[in-house]
Amino acid sequence: MRSQNYQPKSEAFSDDKFKVIFLSYIRLTDRVAKTWFLNELKTKDIEVKYWDLVGVLRENHNEYAEITPDYLKVITANLEFQKKINQVAESQKKLGSNQF
């Protein structure tokens, strides 16, 4: 059980949930969220992150009907992407997990 003053150890994830990061070259829309069962995962107490890499991998653009839920992170530069990957790797090391 968490204390009242609980703070996650990393921006990337808290430390007591199963975690999933979707790395994507397409914008997040309701259709994508449904296809990949993102909302269902969240209802199962799974921590979900959707990293939008369009700005890194392709020409940056807006997508019709794109959505911006709290689990979306738009990454626009290679350096930003590398920092995020390093944050996740560091949080896994601190937790003693080798599943990354």
N, C-alpha and C. Protein backbone atom coordinates (compact mmCIF):
# COMPACT_ATOMS: atom_id res chain seq x y z
N MET A 1 0.83 -1.18 0.00
CA MET A 1 0.00 0.00 0.00
C MET A 1 0.88 1.25 0.00
N ARG A 2 0.51 2.23 -0.80
CA ARG A 2 1.28 3.46 -0.89
C ARG A 2 0.99 4.38 0.28
N SER A 3 2.00 5.15 0.66
CA SER A 3 1.77 6.16 1.69
C SER A 3 1.09 7.37 1.04
N GLN A 4 0.55 8.24 1.86
CA GLN A 4 -0.12 9.45 1.37
C GLN A 4 0.84 10.35 0.61
N ASN A 5 2.12 10.31 0.94
CA ASN A 5 3.11 11.19 0.33
C ASN A 5 3.87 10.53 -0.81
N TYR A 6 3.33 9.49 -1.37
CA TYR A 6 4.01 8.74 -2.43
C TYR A 6 4.27 9.65 -3.63
N GLN A 7 5.48 9.59 -4.16
CA GLN A 7 5.86 10.28 -5.39
C GLN A 7 6.58 9.28 -6.28
N PRO A 8 6.22 9.19 -7.58
CA PRO A 8 6.95 8.29 -8.46
C PRO A 8 8.43 8.65 -8.49
N LYS A 9 9.28 7.64 -8.66
CA LYS A 9 10.73 7.85 -8.67
C LYS A 9 11.23 8.40 -9.99
N SER A 10 10.44 8.33 -11.03
CA SER A 10 10.88 8.76 -12.35
C SER A 10 9.72 9.41 -13.06
N GLU A 11 10.03 10.34 -13.96
CA GLU A 11 8.99 10.93 -14.78
C GLU A 11 8.37 9.87 -15.68
N ALA A 12 9.17 8.88 -16.05
CA ALA A 12 8.72 7.88 -17.00
C ALA A 12 7.62 6.99 -16.43
N PHE A 13 7.81 6.49 -15.20
CA PHE A 13 6.85 5.56 -14.62
C PHE A 13 6.88 5.60 -13.11
N SER A 14 5.78 5.20 -12.51
CA SER A 14 5.80 4.91 -11.08
C SER A 14 6.39 3.52 -10.91
N ASP A 15 6.59 3.08 -9.68
CA ASP A 15 7.36 1.85 -9.48
C ASP A 15 6.54 0.62 -9.12
N ASP A 16 5.23 0.70 -9.08
CA ASP A 16 4.49 -0.47 -8.62
C ASP A 16 3.39 -0.94 -9.57
N LYS A 17 3.47 -0.59 -10.83
CA LYS A 17 2.50 -1.04 -11.82
C LYS A 17 3.22 -1.72 -12.97
N PHE A 18 2.49 -2.59 -13.65
CA PHE A 18 2.99 -3.11 -14.91
C PHE A 18 2.98 -1.96 -15.90
N LYS A 19 4.00 -1.85 -16.72
CA LYS A 19 4.17 -0.69 -17.57
C LYS A 19 4.29 -1.07 -19.05
N VAL A 20 3.69 -0.23 -19.90
CA VAL A 20 3.77 -0.45 -21.34
C VAL A 20 4.02 0.90 -22.01
N ILE A 21 5.05 0.93 -22.88
CA ILE A 21 5.29 2.13 -23.69
C ILE A 21 5.07 1.75 -25.14
N PHE A 22 4.20 2.49 -25.81
CA PHE A 22 3.99 2.32 -27.23
C PHE A 22 4.84 3.36 -27.95
N LEU A 23 5.76 2.92 -28.79
CA LEU A 23 6.58 3.81 -29.61
C LEU A 23 5.94 3.82 -30.99
N SER A 24 5.52 4.99 -31.43
CA SER A 24 4.71 5.01 -32.65
C SER A 24 5.16 6.06 -33.66
N TYR A 25 5.07 5.69 -34.92
CA TYR A 25 5.36 6.61 -36.01
C TYR A 25 4.07 7.21 -36.57
N ILE A 26 2.93 6.96 -35.92
CA ILE A 26 1.66 7.56 -36.33
C ILE A 26 1.06 8.31 -35.14
N ARG A 27 0.24 9.30 -35.45
CA ARG A 27 -0.43 10.09 -34.42
C ARG A 27 -1.45 9.22 -33.70
N LEU A 28 -1.73 9.57 -32.46
CA LEU A 28 -2.72 8.86 -31.67
C LEU A 28 -4.11 9.38 -31.99
N THR A 29 -4.97 8.49 -32.40
CA THR A 29 -6.38 8.80 -32.66
C THR A 29 -7.22 7.82 -31.85
N ASP A 30 -8.52 8.06 -31.80
CA ASP A 30 -9.40 7.10 -31.12
C ASP A 30 -9.28 5.72 -31.75
N ARG A 31 -9.17 5.68 -33.07
CA ARG A 31 -9.07 4.39 -33.75
C ARG A 31 -7.79 3.64 -33.34
N VAL A 32 -6.67 4.35 -33.27
CA VAL A 32 -5.42 3.72 -32.85
C VAL A 32 -5.54 3.24 -31.40
N ALA A 33 -6.10 4.08 -30.54
CA ALA A 33 -6.26 3.71 -29.13
C ALA A 33 -7.13 2.45 -28.99
N LYS A 34 -8.18 2.36 -29.80
CA LYS A 34 -9.04 1.17 -29.75
C LYS A 34 -8.33 -0.05 -30.31
N THR A 35 -7.62 0.12 -31.43
CA THR A 35 -6.91 -1.00 -32.07
C THR A 35 -5.87 -1.59 -31.13
N TRP A 36 -5.17 -0.74 -30.39
CA TRP A 36 -4.11 -1.19 -29.50
C TRP A 36 -4.58 -1.36 -28.06
N PHE A 37 -5.89 -1.24 -27.81
CA PHE A 37 -6.50 -1.50 -26.50
C PHE A 37 -5.92 -0.62 -25.38
N LEU A 38 -5.59 0.62 -25.70
CA LEU A 38 -4.96 1.49 -24.70
C LEU A 38 -5.87 1.75 -23.51
N ASN A 39 -7.12 2.06 -23.75
CA ASN A 39 -8.04 2.34 -22.64
C ASN A 39 -8.30 1.09 -21.81
N GLU A 40 -8.35 -0.05 -22.45
CA GLU A 40 -8.56 -1.30 -21.72
C GLU A 40 -7.37 -1.60 -20.81
N LEU A 41 -6.17 -1.35 -21.31
CA LEU A 41 -4.98 -1.55 -20.48
C LEU A 41 -5.03 -0.65 -19.25
N LYS A 42 -5.42 0.60 -19.45
CA LYS A 42 -5.50 1.53 -18.32
C LYS A 42 -6.53 1.07 -17.29
N THR A 43 -7.63 0.49 -17.74
CA THR A 43 -8.65 0.02 -16.79
C THR A 43 -8.18 -1.21 -16.01
N LYS A 44 -7.15 -1.90 -16.53
CA LYS A 44 -6.57 -3.06 -15.85
C LYS A 44 -5.42 -2.66 -14.92
N ASP A 45 -5.32 -1.36 -14.64
CA ASP A 45 -4.30 -0.81 -13.76
C ASP A 45 -2.89 -1.00 -14.33
N ILE A 46 -2.80 -0.94 -15.65
CA ILE A 46 -1.51 -0.98 -16.34
C ILE A 46 -1.16 0.44 -16.72
N GLU A 47 0.07 0.84 -16.41
CA GLU A 47 0.51 2.19 -16.72
C GLU A 47 0.90 2.25 -18.20
N VAL A 48 0.22 3.12 -18.94
CA VAL A 48 0.39 3.21 -20.38
C VAL A 48 1.03 4.54 -20.74
N LYS A 49 2.00 4.48 -21.64
CA LYS A 49 2.59 5.68 -22.25
C LYS A 49 2.56 5.48 -23.75
N TYR A 50 2.22 6.52 -24.48
CA TYR A 50 2.22 6.49 -25.94
C TYR A 50 3.19 7.58 -26.39
N TRP A 51 4.33 7.16 -26.92
CA TRP A 51 5.33 8.11 -27.38
C TRP A 51 5.16 8.30 -28.88
N ASP A 52 4.73 9.49 -29.25
CA ASP A 52 4.52 9.87 -30.64
C ASP A 52 5.87 10.31 -31.21
N LEU A 53 6.43 9.53 -32.12
CA LEU A 53 7.74 9.80 -32.70
C LEU A 53 7.66 10.36 -34.12
N VAL A 54 6.48 10.84 -34.51
CA VAL A 54 6.31 11.36 -35.87
C VAL A 54 7.35 12.44 -36.17
N GLY A 55 7.56 13.36 -35.25
CA GLY A 55 8.51 14.46 -35.47
C GLY A 55 9.95 14.01 -35.57
N VAL A 56 10.26 12.82 -35.11
CA VAL A 56 11.62 12.28 -35.19
C VAL A 56 11.80 11.46 -36.47
N LEU A 57 10.79 10.70 -36.84
CA LEU A 57 10.92 9.73 -37.92
C LEU A 57 10.42 10.22 -39.28
N ARG A 58 9.49 11.16 -39.27
CA ARG A 58 8.88 11.60 -40.53
C ARG A 58 8.69 13.11 -40.51
N GLU A 59 8.12 13.62 -41.55
CA GLU A 59 7.78 15.04 -41.58
C GLU A 59 6.67 15.29 -40.56
N ASN A 60 6.88 16.27 -39.71
CA ASN A 60 5.90 16.57 -38.66
C ASN A 60 4.62 17.09 -39.31
N HIS A 61 3.49 16.61 -38.87
CA HIS A 61 2.19 17.00 -39.42
C HIS A 61 1.11 16.77 -38.38
N ASN A 62 -0.05 17.33 -38.62
CA ASN A 62 -1.23 17.06 -37.79
C ASN A 62 -2.04 15.97 -38.47
N GLU A 63 -2.73 15.20 -37.66
CA GLU A 63 -3.54 14.10 -38.17
C GLU A 63 -5.00 14.41 -37.88
N TYR A 64 -5.86 14.08 -38.82
CA TYR A 64 -7.28 14.26 -38.60
C TYR A 64 -7.71 13.44 -37.39
N ALA A 65 -8.44 14.04 -36.48
CA ALA A 65 -9.02 13.37 -35.30
C ALA A 65 -7.97 12.89 -34.30
N GLU A 66 -6.78 13.49 -34.30
CA GLU A 66 -5.80 13.07 -33.29
C GLU A 66 -6.29 13.49 -31.91
N ILE A 67 -5.93 12.69 -30.92
CA ILE A 67 -6.34 12.95 -29.54
C ILE A 67 -5.10 13.20 -28.68
N THR A 68 -5.31 13.81 -27.52
CA THR A 68 -4.18 14.15 -26.64
C THR A 68 -4.47 13.75 -25.19
N PRO A 69 -4.56 12.46 -24.92
CA PRO A 69 -4.80 12.02 -23.54
C PRO A 69 -3.57 12.26 -22.67
N ASP A 70 -3.73 12.08 -21.37
CA ASP A 70 -2.63 12.35 -20.43
C ASP A 70 -1.45 11.41 -20.62
N TYR A 71 -1.62 10.27 -21.24
CA TYR A 71 -0.51 9.33 -21.41
C TYR A 71 0.27 9.56 -22.71
N LEU A 72 -0.10 10.57 -23.48
CA LEU A 72 0.58 10.88 -24.74
C LEU A 72 1.79 11.77 -24.48
N LYS A 73 2.92 11.43 -25.09
CA LYS A 73 4.11 12.26 -25.08
C LYS A 73 4.56 12.42 -26.52
N VAL A 74 4.52 13.65 -27.02
CA VAL A 74 4.97 13.93 -28.38
C VAL A 74 6.46 14.25 -28.30
N ILE A 75 7.25 13.46 -29.01
CA ILE A 75 8.70 13.62 -29.03
C ILE A 75 9.10 14.11 -30.41
N THR A 76 9.81 15.24 -30.44
CA THR A 76 10.09 15.88 -31.72
C THR A 76 11.57 15.88 -32.11
N ALA A 77 12.43 15.39 -31.24
CA ALA A 77 13.87 15.42 -31.55
C ALA A 77 14.54 14.15 -31.08
N ASN A 78 15.59 13.75 -31.80
CA ASN A 78 16.34 12.55 -31.43
C ASN A 78 16.90 12.63 -30.02
N LEU A 79 17.42 13.79 -29.64
CA LEU A 79 17.99 13.96 -28.30
C LEU A 79 16.92 13.77 -27.22
N GLU A 80 15.75 14.32 -27.44
CA GLU A 80 14.64 14.15 -26.49
C GLU A 80 14.27 12.67 -26.37
N PHE A 81 14.23 11.96 -27.49
CA PHE A 81 13.92 10.53 -27.49
C PHE A 81 14.97 9.76 -26.69
N GLN A 82 16.25 10.07 -26.93
CA GLN A 82 17.33 9.40 -26.20
C GLN A 82 17.22 9.65 -24.70
N LYS A 83 16.89 10.87 -24.30
CA LYS A 83 16.73 11.19 -22.87
C LYS A 83 15.60 10.37 -22.25
N LYS A 84 14.50 10.23 -22.96
CA LYS A 84 13.36 9.45 -22.45
C LYS A 84 13.74 7.98 -22.30
N ILE A 85 14.42 7.43 -23.28
CA ILE A 85 14.87 6.04 -23.20
C ILE A 85 15.79 5.87 -22.00
N ASN A 86 16.71 6.80 -21.80
CA ASN A 86 17.63 6.72 -20.66
C ASN A 86 16.90 6.82 -19.33
N GLN A 87 15.85 7.64 -19.25
CA GLN A 87 15.06 7.74 -18.02
C GLN A 87 14.42 6.40 -17.68
N VAL A 88 13.86 5.76 -18.67
CA VAL A 88 13.22 4.46 -18.44
C VAL A 88 14.27 3.44 -18.01
N ALA A 89 15.41 3.42 -18.69
CA ALA A 89 16.47 2.47 -18.35
C ALA A 89 16.96 2.70 -16.92
N GLU A 90 17.13 3.95 -16.52
CA GLU A 90 17.58 4.27 -15.17
C GLU A 90 16.55 3.86 -14.13
N SER A 91 15.28 4.10 -14.41
CA SER A 91 14.24 3.72 -13.44
C SER A 91 14.19 2.20 -13.28
N GLN A 92 14.44 1.46 -14.37
CA GLN A 92 14.45 0.01 -14.29
C GLN A 92 15.66 -0.48 -13.48
N LYS A 93 16.80 0.17 -13.65
CA LYS A 93 17.99 -0.19 -12.86
C LYS A 93 17.74 0.01 -11.37
N LYS A 94 17.12 1.14 -11.03
CA LYS A 94 16.85 1.46 -9.63
C LYS A 94 15.90 0.44 -9.00
N LEU A 95 15.00 -0.06 -9.81
CA LEU A 95 14.04 -1.05 -9.32
C LEU A 95 14.59 -2.46 -9.36
N GLY A 96 15.78 -2.61 -9.92
CA GLY A 96 16.39 -3.94 -10.00
C GLY A 96 15.74 -4.81 -11.04
N SER A 97 15.07 -4.19 -12.01
CA SER A 97 14.40 -4.96 -13.04
C SER A 97 15.30 -5.12 -14.25
N ASN A 98 15.32 -6.31 -14.82
CA ASN A 98 16.08 -6.54 -16.05
C ASN A 98 15.14 -6.78 -17.22
N GLN A 99 13.91 -6.30 -17.14
CA GLN A 99 12.93 -6.54 -18.18
C GLN A 99 12.92 -5.47 -19.24
N PHE A 100 13.80 -4.50 -19.17
CA PHE A 100 13.82 -3.44 -20.16
C PHE A 100 14.63 -3.84 -21.36
